[in-house]
C-alpha atoms as a PDB file:
ATOM      1  CA  MET A   1     -43.201 -65.111  48.928  1.00  0.00           C
ATOM      2  CA  SER A   2     -45.820 -62.532  49.086  1.00  0.00           C
ATOM      3  CA  GLU A   3     -45.693 -59.676  46.435  1.00  0.00           C
ATOM      4  CA  ARG A   4     -47.740 -56.697  46.069  1.00  0.00           C
ATOM      5  CA  ALA A   5     -48.679 -55.486  42.647  1.00  0.00           C
ATOM      6  CA  GLU A   6     -48.121 -51.852  42.043  1.00  0.00           C
ATOM      7  CA  THR A   7     -50.937 -50.836  39.637  1.00  0.00           C
ATOM      8  CA  PRO A   8     -52.238 -53.937  38.028  1.00  0.00           C
ATOM      9  CA  ARG A   9     -54.095 -53.520  34.663  1.00  0.00           C
ATOM     10  CA  CYS A  10     -55.856 -56.963  34.498  1.00  0.00           C
ATOM     11  CA  VAL A  11     -56.476 -59.323  37.575  1.00  0.00           C
ATOM     12  CA  MET A  12     -57.898 -62.735  38.019  1.00  0.00           C
ATOM     13  CA  ALA A  13     -59.677 -63.519  41.127  1.00  0.00           C
ATOM     14  CA  VAL A  14     -60.262 -67.083  42.064  1.00  0.00           C
ATOM     15  CA  ASP A  15     -62.625 -68.323  44.960  1.00  0.00           C
ATOM     16  CA  ILE A  16     -62.236 -72.088  45.638  1.00  0.00           C
ATOM     17  CA  GLY A  17     -65.412 -73.399  47.363  1.00  0.00           C
ATOM     18  CA  THR A  18     -66.964 -76.664  48.284  1.00  0.00           C
ATOM     19  CA  ASN A  19     -68.828 -77.156  45.131  1.00  0.00           C
ATOM     20  CA  THR A  20     -67.448 -74.558  42.766  1.00  0.00           C
ATOM     21  CA  VAL A  21     -64.582 -72.546  41.637  1.00  0.00           C
ATOM     22  CA  ASN A  22     -65.887 -68.868  40.913  1.00  0.00           C
ATOM     23  CA  THR A  23     -63.630 -66.494  39.059  1.00  0.00           C
ATOM     24  CA  CYS A  24     -63.669 -62.829  37.985  1.00  0.00           C
ATOM     25  CA  LEU A  25     -61.462 -61.430  35.373  1.00  0.00           C
ATOM     26  CA  LEU A  26     -61.310 -57.802  35.897  1.00  0.00           C
ATOM     27  CA  VAL A  27     -59.617 -55.286  33.463  1.00  0.00           C
ATOM     28  CA  ARG A  28     -59.426 -51.651  34.438  1.00  0.00           C
ATOM     29  CA  ASP A  29     -62.342 -49.630  32.861  1.00  0.00           C
ATOM     30  CA  ALA A  30     -64.028 -52.706  31.493  1.00  0.00           C
ATOM     31  CA  ALA A  31     -66.863 -54.874  32.539  1.00  0.00           C
ATOM     32  CA  PRO A  32     -66.012 -58.018  34.762  1.00  0.00           C
ATOM     33  CA  VAL A  33     -66.096 -61.227  33.303  1.00  0.00           C
ATOM     34  CA  ARG A  34     -67.422 -63.968  35.792  1.00  0.00           C
ATOM     35  CA  ARG A  35     -67.224 -67.687  35.389  1.00  0.00           C
ATOM     36  CA  THR A  36     -68.371 -70.687  37.529  1.00  0.00           C
ATOM     37  CA  TYR A  37     -66.890 -74.015  37.402  1.00  0.00           C
ATOM     38  CA  TYR A  38     -68.208 -77.026  39.033  1.00  0.00           C
ATOM     39  CA  THR A  39     -65.778 -79.269  40.947  1.00  0.00           C
ATOM     40  CA  HIS A  40     -67.760 -80.867  43.716  1.00  0.00           C
ATOM     41  CA  LEU A  41     -64.451 -80.482  45.689  1.00  0.00           C
ATOM     42  CA  GLY A  42     -66.238 -81.327  49.069  1.00  0.00           C
ATOM     43  CA  GLU A  43     -67.935 -84.478  47.749  1.00  0.00           C
ATOM     44  CA  GLY A  44     -67.893 -86.917  50.642  1.00  0.00           C
ATOM     45  CA  LEU A  45     -65.870 -84.634  52.775  1.00  0.00           C
ATOM     46  CA  ASP A  46     -68.477 -84.762  55.590  1.00  0.00           C
ATOM     47  CA  VAL A  47     -67.992 -88.457  55.973  1.00  0.00           C
ATOM     48  CA  ARG A  48     -64.258 -88.940  55.316  1.00  0.00           C
ATOM     49  CA  GLY A  49     -62.908 -85.665  56.813  1.00  0.00           C
ATOM     50  CA  SER A  50     -60.589 -85.330  53.754  1.00  0.00           C
ATOM     51  CA  LEU A  51     -60.694 -84.440  50.200  1.00  0.00           C
ATOM     52  CA  SER A  52     -60.800 -87.470  47.714  1.00  0.00           C
ATOM     53  CA  GLU A  53     -58.118 -87.615  45.056  1.00  0.00           C
ATOM     54  CA  GLU A  54     -60.883 -87.817  42.485  1.00  0.00           C
ATOM     55  CA  ALA A  55     -62.276 -84.472  43.708  1.00  0.00           C
ATOM     56  CA  ILE A  56     -58.888 -83.057  43.951  1.00  0.00           C
ATOM     57  CA  GLY A  57     -58.176 -83.959  40.423  1.00  0.00           C
ATOM     58  CA  ARG A  58     -61.384 -82.238  39.258  1.00  0.00           C
ATOM     59  CA  ALA A  59     -60.426 -78.974  40.985  1.00  0.00           C
ATOM     60  CA  LEU A  60     -56.892 -79.017  39.699  1.00  0.00           C
ATOM     61  CA  ALA A  61     -58.082 -79.452  36.114  1.00  0.00           C
ATOM     62  CA  VAL A  62     -60.418 -76.502  36.502  1.00  0.00           C
ATOM     63  CA  LEU A  63     -57.579 -74.375  38.091  1.00  0.00           C
ATOM     64  CA  GLY A  64     -55.407 -75.300  34.991  1.00  0.00           C
ATOM     65  CA  GLU A  65     -58.260 -73.901  32.775  1.00  0.00           C
ATOM     66  CA  VAL A  66     -58.236 -70.766  35.002  1.00  0.00           C
ATOM     67  CA  ALA A  67     -54.540 -70.368  34.698  1.00  0.00           C
ATOM     68  CA  THR A  68     -54.777 -70.637  30.998  1.00  0.00           C
ATOM     69  CA  ALA A  69     -57.636 -68.110  30.781  1.00  0.00           C
ATOM     70  CA  ALA A  70     -55.694 -65.681  33.061  1.00  0.00           C
ATOM     71  CA  ALA A  71     -52.573 -65.886  30.785  1.00  0.00           C
ATOM     72  CA  ASP A  72     -54.654 -65.663  27.632  1.00  0.00           C
ATOM     73  CA  ALA A  73     -56.158 -62.478  29.110  1.00  0.00           C
ATOM     74  CA  GLY A  74     -52.883 -61.005  29.977  1.00  0.00           C
ATOM     75  CA  ALA A  75     -53.580 -60.831  33.655  1.00  0.00           C
ATOM     76  CA  ASP A  76     -50.613 -59.514  35.669  1.00  0.00           C
ATOM     77  CA  LEU A  77     -51.966 -60.582  39.000  1.00  0.00           C
ATOM     78  CA  THR A  78     -53.921 -63.552  40.237  1.00  0.00           C
ATOM     79  CA  VAL A  79     -55.372 -63.766  43.586  1.00  0.00           C
ATOM     80  CA  ALA A  80     -57.127 -66.678  45.113  1.00  0.00           C
ATOM     81  CA  THR A  81     -59.054 -67.731  48.262  1.00  0.00           C
ATOM     82  CA  ALA A  82     -60.094 -71.103  49.613  1.00  0.00           C
ATOM     83  CA  THR A  83     -63.168 -71.555  51.803  1.00  0.00           C
ATOM     84  CA  SER A  84     -65.171 -74.299  53.707  1.00  0.00           C
ATOM     85  CA  ALA A  85     -63.805 -77.461  52.174  1.00  0.00           C
ATOM     86  CA  SER A  86     -60.163 -76.475  52.421  1.00  0.00           C
ATOM     87  CA  ARG A  87     -60.768 -75.144  55.968  1.00  0.00           C
ATOM     88  CA  ASP A  88     -62.287 -78.497  57.202  1.00  0.00           C
ATOM     89  CA  ALA A  89     -60.337 -81.115  55.232  1.00  0.00           C
ATOM     90  CA  ALA A  90     -57.455 -82.904  56.934  1.00  0.00           C
ATOM     91  CA  ASN A  91     -55.506 -82.728  53.671  1.00  0.00           C
ATOM     92  CA  GLY A  92     -56.549 -79.234  52.772  1.00  0.00           C
ATOM     93  CA  ALA A  93     -53.020 -77.780  53.038  1.00  0.00           C
ATOM     94  CA  GLU A  94     -51.716 -80.469  50.767  1.00  0.00           C
ATOM     95  CA  PHE A  95     -54.484 -79.771  48.304  1.00  0.00           C
ATOM     96  CA  LEU A  96     -53.749 -75.975  48.398  1.00  0.00           C
ATOM     97  CA  LYS A  97     -50.086 -76.542  47.697  1.00  0.00           C
ATOM     98  CA  ARG A  98     -50.984 -78.631  44.629  1.00  0.00           C
ATOM     99  CA  ALA A  99     -53.560 -75.910  43.632  1.00  0.00           C
ATOM    100  CA  GLY A 100     -50.936 -73.146  43.857  1.00  0.00           C
ATOM    101  CA  ALA A 101     -48.493 -74.869  41.712  1.00  0.00           C
ATOM    102  CA  VAL A 102     -51.192 -75.302  38.959  1.00  0.00           C
ATOM    103  CA  LEU A 103     -52.595 -71.839  39.354  1.00  0.00           C
ATOM    104  CA  GLY A 104     -49.424 -69.951  39.889  1.00  0.00           C
ATOM    105  CA  ALA A 105     -50.798 -68.251  43.036  1.00  0.00           C
ATOM    106  CA  LEU A 106     -51.091 -69.886  46.363  1.00  0.00           C
ATOM    107  CA  PRO A 107     -54.684 -69.773  47.444  1.00  0.00           C
ATOM    108  CA  ARG A 108     -55.153 -68.250  50.879  1.00  0.00           C
ATOM    109  CA  VAL A 109     -57.595 -70.030  53.231  1.00  0.00           C
ATOM    110  CA  ILE A 110     -59.913 -67.522  54.767  1.00  0.00           C
ATOM    111  CA  SER A 111     -61.843 -67.864  57.839  1.00  0.00           C
ATOM    112  CA  GLY A 112     -65.665 -67.973  57.954  1.00  0.00           C
ATOM    113  CA  ASP A 113     -65.705 -64.348  59.245  1.00  0.00           C
ATOM    114  CA  ASP A 114     -63.343 -63.193  56.533  1.00  0.00           C
ATOM    115  CA  GLU A 115     -65.623 -65.016  53.845  1.00  0.00           C
ATOM    116  CA  ALA A 116     -68.737 -63.227  55.282  1.00  0.00           C
ATOM    117  CA  PHE A 117     -66.966 -59.860  55.083  1.00  0.00           C
ATOM    118  CA  LEU A 118     -65.816 -60.367  51.519  1.00  0.00           C
ATOM    119  CA  THR A 119     -69.280 -61.669  50.497  1.00  0.00           C
ATOM    120  CA  PHE A 120     -70.963 -58.560  52.029  1.00  0.00           C
ATOM    121  CA  GLU A 121     -68.565 -56.305  50.248  1.00  0.00           C
ATOM    122  CA  GLY A 122     -68.814 -58.172  47.002  1.00  0.00           C
ATOM    123  CA  ALA A 123     -72.552 -58.591  46.945  1.00  0.00           C
ATOM    124  CA  LEU A 124     -73.233 -54.897  47.538  1.00  0.00           C
ATOM    125  CA  THR A 125     -70.575 -53.219  45.437  1.00  0.00           C
ATOM    126  CA  ALA A 126     -70.462 -55.533  42.365  1.00  0.00           C
ATOM    127  CA  ALA A 127     -71.590 -54.120  39.133  1.00  0.00           C
ATOM    128  CA  LEU A 128     -72.153 -55.633  35.693  1.00  0.00           C
ATOM    129  CA  ASP A 129     -70.318 -52.865  34.074  1.00  0.00           C
ATOM    130  CA  PRO A 130     -68.259 -49.842  35.211  1.00  0.00           C
ATOM    131  CA  ALA A 131     -71.024 -47.507  34.603  1.00  0.00           C
ATOM    132  CA  ALA A 132     -73.677 -49.444  36.394  1.00  0.00           C
ATOM    133  CA  ASP A 133     -74.961 -48.236  39.843  1.00  0.00           C
ATOM    134  CA  ARG A 134     -73.931 -50.549  42.643  1.00  0.00           C
ATOM    135  CA  LEU A 135     -76.735 -52.635  44.127  1.00  0.00           C
ATOM    136  CA  GLU A 136     -76.403 -50.773  47.504  1.00  0.00           C
ATOM    137  CA  ALA A 137     -77.911 -47.817  46.083  1.00  0.00           C
ATOM    138  CA  THR A 138     -81.251 -49.392  45.482  1.00  0.00           C
ATOM    139  CA  LEU A 139     -81.673 -50.854  48.904  1.00  0.00           C
ATOM    140  CA  ASP A 140     -82.921 -50.052  52.420  1.00  0.00           C
ATOM    141  CA  GLY A 141     -80.469 -50.707  55.375  1.00  0.00           C
ATOM    142  CA  PRO A 142     -79.479 -52.206  57.421  1.00  0.00           C
ATOM    143  CA  VAL A 143     -78.772 -55.089  54.914  1.00  0.00           C
ATOM    144  CA  LEU A 144     -78.296 -58.815  55.667  1.00  0.00           C
ATOM    145  CA  VAL A 145     -76.203 -60.617  52.980  1.00  0.00           C
ATOM    146  CA  VAL A 146     -76.597 -64.425  53.052  1.00  0.00           C
ATOM    147  CA  ASP A 147     -74.220 -66.663  51.077  1.00  0.00           C
ATOM    148  CA  ILE A 148     -75.445 -70.270  51.021  1.00  0.00           C
ATOM    149  CA  GLY A 149     -72.406 -72.315  49.989  1.00  0.00           C
ATOM    150  CA  GLY A 150     -71.791 -76.042  49.592  1.00  0.00           C
ATOM    151  CA  GLY A 151     -70.278 -76.498  52.988  1.00  0.00           C
ATOM    152  CA  SER A 152     -71.236 -73.391  55.053  1.00  0.00           C
ATOM    153  CA  THR A 153     -73.437 -70.445  55.076  1.00  0.00           C
ATOM    154  CA  GLU A 154     -72.278 -67.018  55.781  1.00  0.00           C
ATOM    155  CA  LEU A 155     -74.578 -64.167  57.256  1.00  0.00           C
ATOM    156  CA  ALA A 156     -73.300 -60.538  57.319  1.00  0.00           C
ATOM    157  CA  VAL A 157     -75.315 -57.629  58.362  1.00  0.00           C
ATOM    158  CA  GLY A 158     -74.165 -54.028  57.785  1.00  0.00           C
ATOM    159  CA  THR A 159     -75.213 -50.459  57.021  1.00  0.00           C
ATOM    160  CA  LEU A 160     -74.947 -48.702  53.763  1.00  0.00           C
ATOM    161  CA  ALA A 161     -72.436 -45.861  53.751  1.00  0.00           C
ATOM    162  CA  GLN A 162     -70.098 -43.944  51.699  1.00  0.00           C
ATOM    163  CA  PRO A 163     -67.709 -44.641  50.233  1.00  0.00           C
ATOM    164  CA  GLY A 164     -68.919 -48.239  50.795  1.00  0.00           C
ATOM    165  CA  PRO A 165     -70.942 -50.434  52.998  1.00  0.00           C
ATOM    166  CA  GLU A 166     -70.001 -51.024  56.576  1.00  0.00           C
ATOM    167  CA  LEU A 167     -70.033 -54.490  58.200  1.00  0.00           C
ATOM    168  CA  THR A 168     -71.618 -54.598  61.637  1.00  0.00           C
ATOM    169  CA  ALA A 169     -71.700 -58.380  62.463  1.00  0.00           C
ATOM    170  CA  SER A 170     -71.195 -61.754  60.687  1.00  0.00           C
ATOM    171  CA  VAL A 171     -71.277 -65.378  61.537  1.00  0.00           C
ATOM    172  CA  SER A 172     -70.379 -68.614  59.587  1.00  0.00           C
ATOM    173  CA  LEU A 173     -72.623 -71.620  60.044  1.00  0.00           C
ATOM    174  CA  GLN A 174     -71.869 -75.232  59.348  1.00  0.00           C
ATOM    175  CA  MET A 175     -74.711 -75.633  57.116  1.00  0.00           C
ATOM    176  CA  GLY A 176     -74.436 -75.846  53.084  1.00  0.00           C
ATOM    177  CA  SER A 177     -76.178 -77.467  50.152  1.00  0.00           C
ATOM    178  CA  VAL A 178     -73.644 -80.188  49.782  1.00  0.00           C
ATOM    179  CA  ARG A 179     -73.126 -80.931  53.480  1.00  0.00           C
ATOM    180  CA  PHE A 180     -77.049 -80.978  54.220  1.00  0.00           C
ATOM    181  CA  THR A 181     -77.654 -83.091  51.173  1.00  0.00           C
ATOM    182  CA  GLU A 182     -75.207 -85.676  52.263  1.00  0.00           C
ATOM    183  CA  ARG A 183     -76.349 -85.567  55.961  1.00  0.00           C
ATOM    184  CA  TYR A 184     -80.156 -85.386  55.671  1.00  0.00           C
ATOM    185  CA  LEU A 185     -81.423 -85.894  52.202  1.00  0.00           C
ATOM    186  CA  PRO A 186     -80.282 -89.351  50.978  1.00  0.00           C
ATOM    187  CA  SER A 187     -83.563 -90.253  49.220  1.00  0.00           C
ATOM    188  CA  ASP A 188     -84.611 -89.137  45.586  1.00  0.00           C
ATOM    189  CA  PRO A 189     -86.990 -87.327  45.920  1.00  0.00           C
ATOM    190  CA  PRO A 190     -86.409 -86.622  49.520  1.00  0.00           C
ATOM    191  CA  LEU A 191     -89.038 -88.040  52.028  1.00  0.00           C
ATOM    192  CA  PRO A 192     -91.229 -85.683  53.860  1.00  0.00           C
ATOM    193  CA  GLU A 193     -89.439 -86.817  57.129  1.00  0.00           C
ATOM    194  CA  GLU A 194     -86.101 -86.103  55.679  1.00  0.00           C
ATOM    195  CA  LEU A 195     -87.250 -82.579  54.534  1.00  0.00           C
ATOM    196  CA  SER A 196     -88.560 -81.822  57.934  1.00  0.00           C
ATOM    197  CA  ASN A 197     -85.422 -82.981  59.568  1.00  0.00           C
ATOM    198  CA  CYS A 198     -83.352 -80.851  57.370  1.00  0.00           C
ATOM    199  CA  LEU A 199     -85.483 -77.840  58.015  1.00  0.00           C
ATOM    200  CA  SER A 200     -85.435 -78.499  61.707  1.00  0.00           C
ATOM    201  CA  VAL A 201     -81.671 -78.522  61.871  1.00  0.00           C
ATOM    202  CA  ALA A 202     -81.269 -75.419  59.700  1.00  0.00           C
ATOM    203  CA  GLU A 203     -83.729 -73.628  62.075  1.00  0.00           C
ATOM    204  CA  ALA A 204     -81.878 -74.665  65.046  1.00  0.00           C
ATOM    205  CA  THR A 205     -78.521 -73.648  63.583  1.00  0.00           C
ATOM    206  CA  LEU A 206     -80.041 -70.382  62.690  1.00  0.00           C
ATOM    207  CA  ASP A 207     -81.621 -69.844  66.037  1.00  0.00           C
ATOM    208  CA  GLU A 208     -78.264 -70.431  67.820  1.00  0.00           C
ATOM    209  CA  ALA A 209     -76.578 -67.849  65.480  1.00  0.00           C
ATOM    210  CA  LEU A 210     -79.378 -65.210  66.083  1.00  0.00           C
ATOM    211  CA  SER A 211     -79.131 -65.696  69.908  1.00  0.00           C
ATOM    212  CA  ASP A 212     -75.311 -65.166  69.880  1.00  0.00           C
ATOM    213  CA  GLU A 213     -75.496 -62.132  67.405  1.00  0.00           C
ATOM    214  CA  ALA A 214     -78.590 -60.123  67.899  1.00  0.00           C
ATOM    215  CA  ALA A 215     -77.593 -57.601  65.136  1.00  0.00           C
ATOM    216  CA  LEU A 216     -78.334 -60.104  62.484  1.00  0.00           C
ATOM    217  CA  GLY A 217     -82.050 -59.812  63.423  1.00  0.00           C
ATOM    218  CA  GLU A 218     -82.121 -56.119  62.791  1.00  0.00           C
ATOM    219  CA  ALA A 219     -81.784 -56.214  59.038  1.00  0.00           C
ATOM    220  CA  ALA A 220     -84.327 -54.528  56.881  1.00  0.00           C
ATOM    221  CA  THR A 221     -83.405 -55.972  53.587  1.00  0.00           C
ATOM    222  CA  LEU A 222     -82.226 -59.553  52.710  1.00  0.00           C
ATOM    223  CA  VAL A 223     -79.708 -59.938  49.821  1.00  0.00           C
ATOM    224  CA  ILE A 224     -78.794 -63.446  48.797  1.00  0.00           C
ATOM    225  CA  VAL A 225     -75.696 -64.483  46.663  1.00  0.00           C
ATOM    226  CA  SER A 226     -73.893 -67.501  44.996  1.00  0.00           C
ATOM    227  CA  GLY A 227     -75.147 -70.744  43.639  1.00  0.00           C
ATOM    228  CA  THR A 228     -78.463 -71.313  45.438  1.00  0.00           C
ATOM    229  CA  ALA A 229     -79.444 -67.719  45.193  1.00  0.00           C
ATOM    230  CA  GLU A 230     -78.839 -67.398  41.430  1.00  0.00           C
ATOM    231  CA  THR A 231     -80.302 -70.850  40.754  1.00  0.00           C
ATOM    232  CA  VAL A 232     -83.546 -69.914  42.658  1.00  0.00           C
ATOM    233  CA  GLY A 233     -83.756 -66.786  40.711  1.00  0.00           C
ATOM    234  CA  ALA A 234     -83.026 -68.299  37.282  1.00  0.00           C
ATOM    235  CA  VAL A 235     -85.689 -71.026  37.924  1.00  0.00           C
ATOM    236  CA  GLU A 236     -88.224 -68.454  38.636  1.00  0.00           C
ATOM    237  CA  LEU A 237     -87.215 -66.526  35.694  1.00  0.00           C
ATOM    238  CA  GLY A 238     -87.292 -69.546  33.415  1.00  0.00           C
ATOM    239  CA  GLY A 239     -83.713 -69.174  32.380  1.00  0.00           C
ATOM    240  CA  TRP A 240     -80.172 -67.807  33.149  1.00  0.00           C
ATOM    241  CA  ASP A 241     -79.666 -64.047  32.556  1.00  0.00           C
ATOM    242  CA  GLU A 242     -77.143 -62.338  34.605  1.00  0.00           C
ATOM    243  CA  ARG A 243     -78.528 -58.773  33.919  1.00  0.00           C
ATOM    244  CA  ALA A 244     -82.058 -59.953  34.956  1.00  0.00           C
ATOM    245  CA  LEU A 245     -80.701 -61.792  38.059  1.00  0.00           C
ATOM    246  CA  HIS A 246     -78.506 -59.071  39.472  1.00  0.00           C
ATOM    247  CA  GLY A 247     -81.046 -57.024  41.603  1.00  0.00           C
ATOM    248  CA  LEU A 248     -83.891 -59.412  40.934  1.00  0.00           C
ATOM    249  CA  ARG A 249     -86.505 -59.146  43.775  1.00  0.00           C
ATOM    250  CA  LEU A 250     -88.181 -62.448  44.814  1.00  0.00           C
ATOM    251  CA  SER A 251     -91.019 -62.603  47.073  1.00  0.00           C
ATOM    252  CA  LYS A 252     -91.258 -65.112  49.867  1.00  0.00           C
ATOM    253  CA  ALA A 253     -94.125 -66.971  48.058  1.00  0.00           C
ATOM    254  CA  GLN A 254     -91.815 -67.282  44.935  1.00  0.00           C
ATOM    255  CA  VAL A 255     -89.097 -68.673  46.939  1.00  0.00           C
ATOM    256  CA  GLU A 256     -91.316 -71.181  48.604  1.00  0.00           C
ATOM    257  CA  ASP A 257     -92.882 -72.209  45.259  1.00  0.00           C
ATOM    258  CA  VAL A 258     -89.449 -73.125  43.862  1.00  0.00           C
ATOM    259  CA  PHE A 259     -88.654 -74.962  46.909  1.00  0.00           C
ATOM    260  CA  ARG A 260     -91.841 -77.113  46.603  1.00  0.00           C
ATOM    261  CA  THR A 261     -91.168 -77.754  43.125  1.00  0.00           C
ATOM    262  CA  MET A 262     -87.482 -78.812  43.716  1.00  0.00           C
ATOM    263  CA  ALA A 263     -88.383 -80.929  46.788  1.00  0.00           C
ATOM    264  CA  THR A 264     -91.220 -82.957  45.255  1.00  0.00           C
ATOM    265  CA  GLU A 265     -89.549 -83.828  42.035  1.00  0.00           C
ATOM    266  CA  SER A 266     -87.023 -86.749  41.349  1.00  0.00           C
ATOM    267  CA  ALA A 267     -83.625 -85.676  40.180  1.00  0.00           C
ATOM    268  CA  ASP A 268     -84.496 -86.949  36.554  1.00  0.00           C
ATOM    269  CA  ASP A 269     -87.596 -84.710  36.685  1.00  0.00           C
ATOM    270  CA  ARG A 270     -85.952 -81.861  38.463  1.00  0.00           C
ATOM    271  CA  ARG A 271     -83.133 -81.502  35.866  1.00  0.00           C
ATOM    272  CA  HIS A 272     -85.707 -80.227  33.270  1.00  0.00           C
ATOM    273  CA  ASN A 273     -86.522 -77.136  35.031  1.00  0.00           C
ATOM    274  CA  PRO A 274     -85.364 -74.107  32.941  1.00  0.00           C
ATOM    275  CA  GLY A 275     -82.725 -72.166  34.666  1.00  0.00           C
ATOM    276  CA  LEU A 276     -81.423 -75.077  36.817  1.00  0.00           C
ATOM    277  CA  PRO A 277     -77.791 -76.020  35.944  1.00  0.00           C
ATOM    278  CA  ALA A 278     -77.244 -79.747  35.751  1.00  0.00           C
ATOM    279  CA  GLU A 279     -74.433 -79.592  38.282  1.00  0.00           C
ATOM    280  CA  ARG A 280     -76.895 -78.252  40.925  1.00  0.00           C
ATOM    281  CA  VAL A 281     -79.742 -80.779  40.470  1.00  0.00           C
ATOM    282  CA  ASP A 282     -78.610 -82.904  43.391  1.00  0.00           C
ATOM    283  CA  PHE A 283     -78.038 -80.077  45.968  1.00  0.00           C
ATOM    284  CA  ILE A 284     -80.646 -77.586  45.136  1.00  0.00           C
ATOM    285  CA  VAL A 285     -83.138 -78.840  47.502  1.00  0.00           C
ATOM    286  CA  ALA A 286     -80.838 -78.585  50.641  1.00  0.00           C
ATOM    287  CA  GLY A 287     -79.940 -75.105  49.515  1.00  0.00           C
ATOM    288  CA  CYS A 288     -83.651 -74.145  49.404  1.00  0.00           C
ATOM    289  CA  CYS A 289     -84.119 -75.633  52.842  1.00  0.00           C
ATOM    290  CA  ILE A 290     -81.711 -73.200  54.118  1.00  0.00           C
ATOM    291  CA  LEU A 291     -82.974 -70.255  52.165  1.00  0.00           C
ATOM    292  CA  VAL A 292     -86.627 -70.762  53.139  1.00  0.00           C
ATOM    293  CA  THR A 293     -85.554 -71.217  56.787  1.00  0.00           C
ATOM    294  CA  ILE A 294     -83.818 -67.881  56.826  1.00  0.00           C
ATOM    295  CA  MET A 295     -86.804 -66.134  55.396  1.00  0.00           C
ATOM    296  CA  ARG A 296     -89.353 -67.908  57.481  1.00  0.00           C
ATOM    297  CA  ARG A 297     -87.482 -67.490  60.795  1.00  0.00           C
ATOM    298  CA  MET A 298     -86.368 -63.891  60.206  1.00  0.00           C
ATOM    299  CA  GLY A 299     -89.556 -62.790  58.666  1.00  0.00           C
ATOM    300  CA  PHE A 300     -88.511 -61.554  55.383  1.00  0.00           C
ATOM    301  CA  ALA A 301     -91.229 -60.987  52.770  1.00  0.00           C
ATOM    302  CA  GLU A 302     -88.739 -60.833  49.876  1.00  0.00           C
ATOM    303  CA  CYS A 303     -85.097 -61.165  49.046  1.00  0.00           C
ATOM    304  CA  VAL A 304     -82.889 -59.496  46.616  1.00  0.00           C
ATOM    305  CA  VAL A 305     -80.499 -61.509  44.325  1.00  0.00           C
ATOM    306  CA  SER A 306     -76.886 -60.347  43.819  1.00  0.00           C
ATOM    307  CA  THR A 307     -74.412 -61.917  41.412  1.00  0.00           C
ATOM    308  CA  GLY A 308     -71.609 -60.292  43.339  1.00  0.00           C
ATOM    309  CA  SER A 309     -69.677 -62.486  45.812  1.00  0.00           C
ATOM    310  CA  VAL A 310     -66.186 -63.010  47.385  1.00  0.00           C
ATOM    311  CA  ARG A 311     -64.574 -63.014  43.748  1.00  0.00           C
ATOM    312  CA  ASP A 312     -65.829 -59.430  43.031  1.00  0.00           C
ATOM    313  CA  ALA A 313     -64.450 -58.050  46.334  1.00  0.00           C
ATOM    314  CA  LEU A 314     -61.021 -59.844  45.711  1.00  0.00           C
ATOM    315  CA  ALA A 315     -60.877 -58.489  42.131  1.00  0.00           C
ATOM    316  CA  SER A 316     -61.727 -54.949  43.064  1.00  0.00           C
ATOM    317  CA  ARG A 317     -59.258 -55.015  45.893  1.00  0.00           C
ATOM    318  CA  ALA A 318     -56.549 -56.623  43.756  1.00  0.00           C
ATOM    319  CA  LEU A 319     -57.188 -53.873  40.929  1.00  0.00           C
ATOM    320  CA  SER A 320     -56.637 -51.126  43.430  1.00  0.00           C
ATOM    321  CA  GLY A 321     -53.486 -52.796  45.004  1.00  0.00           C
ATOM    322  CA  ASP A 322     -55.026 -53.661  48.260  1.00  0.00           C
ATOM    323  CA  VAL A 323     -54.419 -57.432  47.859  1.00  0.00           C
ATOM    324  CA  ALA A 324     -51.047 -59.299  48.176  1.00  0.00           C
ATOM    325  CA  ALA A 325     -50.539 -62.156  45.874  1.00  0.00           C
ATOM    326  CA  ASP A 326     -48.775 -65.240  47.184  1.00  0.00           C
ATOM    327  CA  ARG A 327     -46.993 -66.747  44.334  1.00  0.00           C
ATOM    328  CA  ALA A 328     -46.207 -70.544  44.202  1.00  0.00           C
END
């Protein structure tokens, strides 16, 4: 049954992706608390077509932790979405039923277009604390927001307006850091021909999207969000610092430098790079392939990192009463 919270004081927003579960605990008039849990839910999905019981077990264990955190914080509303892995898996509906029982809120599978829209909103309106200016105030429009996930990549372009950004066009592409690692980068470190193939596929996929949706090519500013974006920024900074990451501007040369470093090192060497989470060691090269392809093909001289994403849009909407919670 779907219930709408009247005026929630504290909400927990949960975004279940292919590689991670991202949460945002938002209390009215307080700074948001964001957490990222690594589940590798989509591990092997591209080959089997379904989620493995082992991966499901990891995700359910994390969702149990999230449910406990929400209860401890006194959250009176939990909202959850599920994206690429749950959309694509033959047993996605079964997983979501089990996830809802653990979380106490049935995750809603969102389309690629909905994911792009929420990402666009969350990236530009997220703030580190209630008094902080939103990122959109510092940008030139139109803005292209890119979310490189584990199973898919969302591109959303829009204009900066009041009271909030307005989406013009969006696409969801079947390329992601986990999917491309499993398909195209089997060697450690990747062979030159594997990297070339991965980049070529990314370019062909992007070219098709640009051909179908011309508005994507009209953006003046590139904003990148989620795991690959934050990791590239953190490696360039030499460590993780959310305040330093949010709004960080990276030149194309800096992104290319991180890519070269990641792509030429073995996993054992790569993991020693400051700012690189251990859980992303195996997938960051493919994520970089997608990011550099977008910057090269679309001619962006720099990109701006945002720590906002789907979870931020969900949390803000829920706190204002705009999101219905499906209770398990």
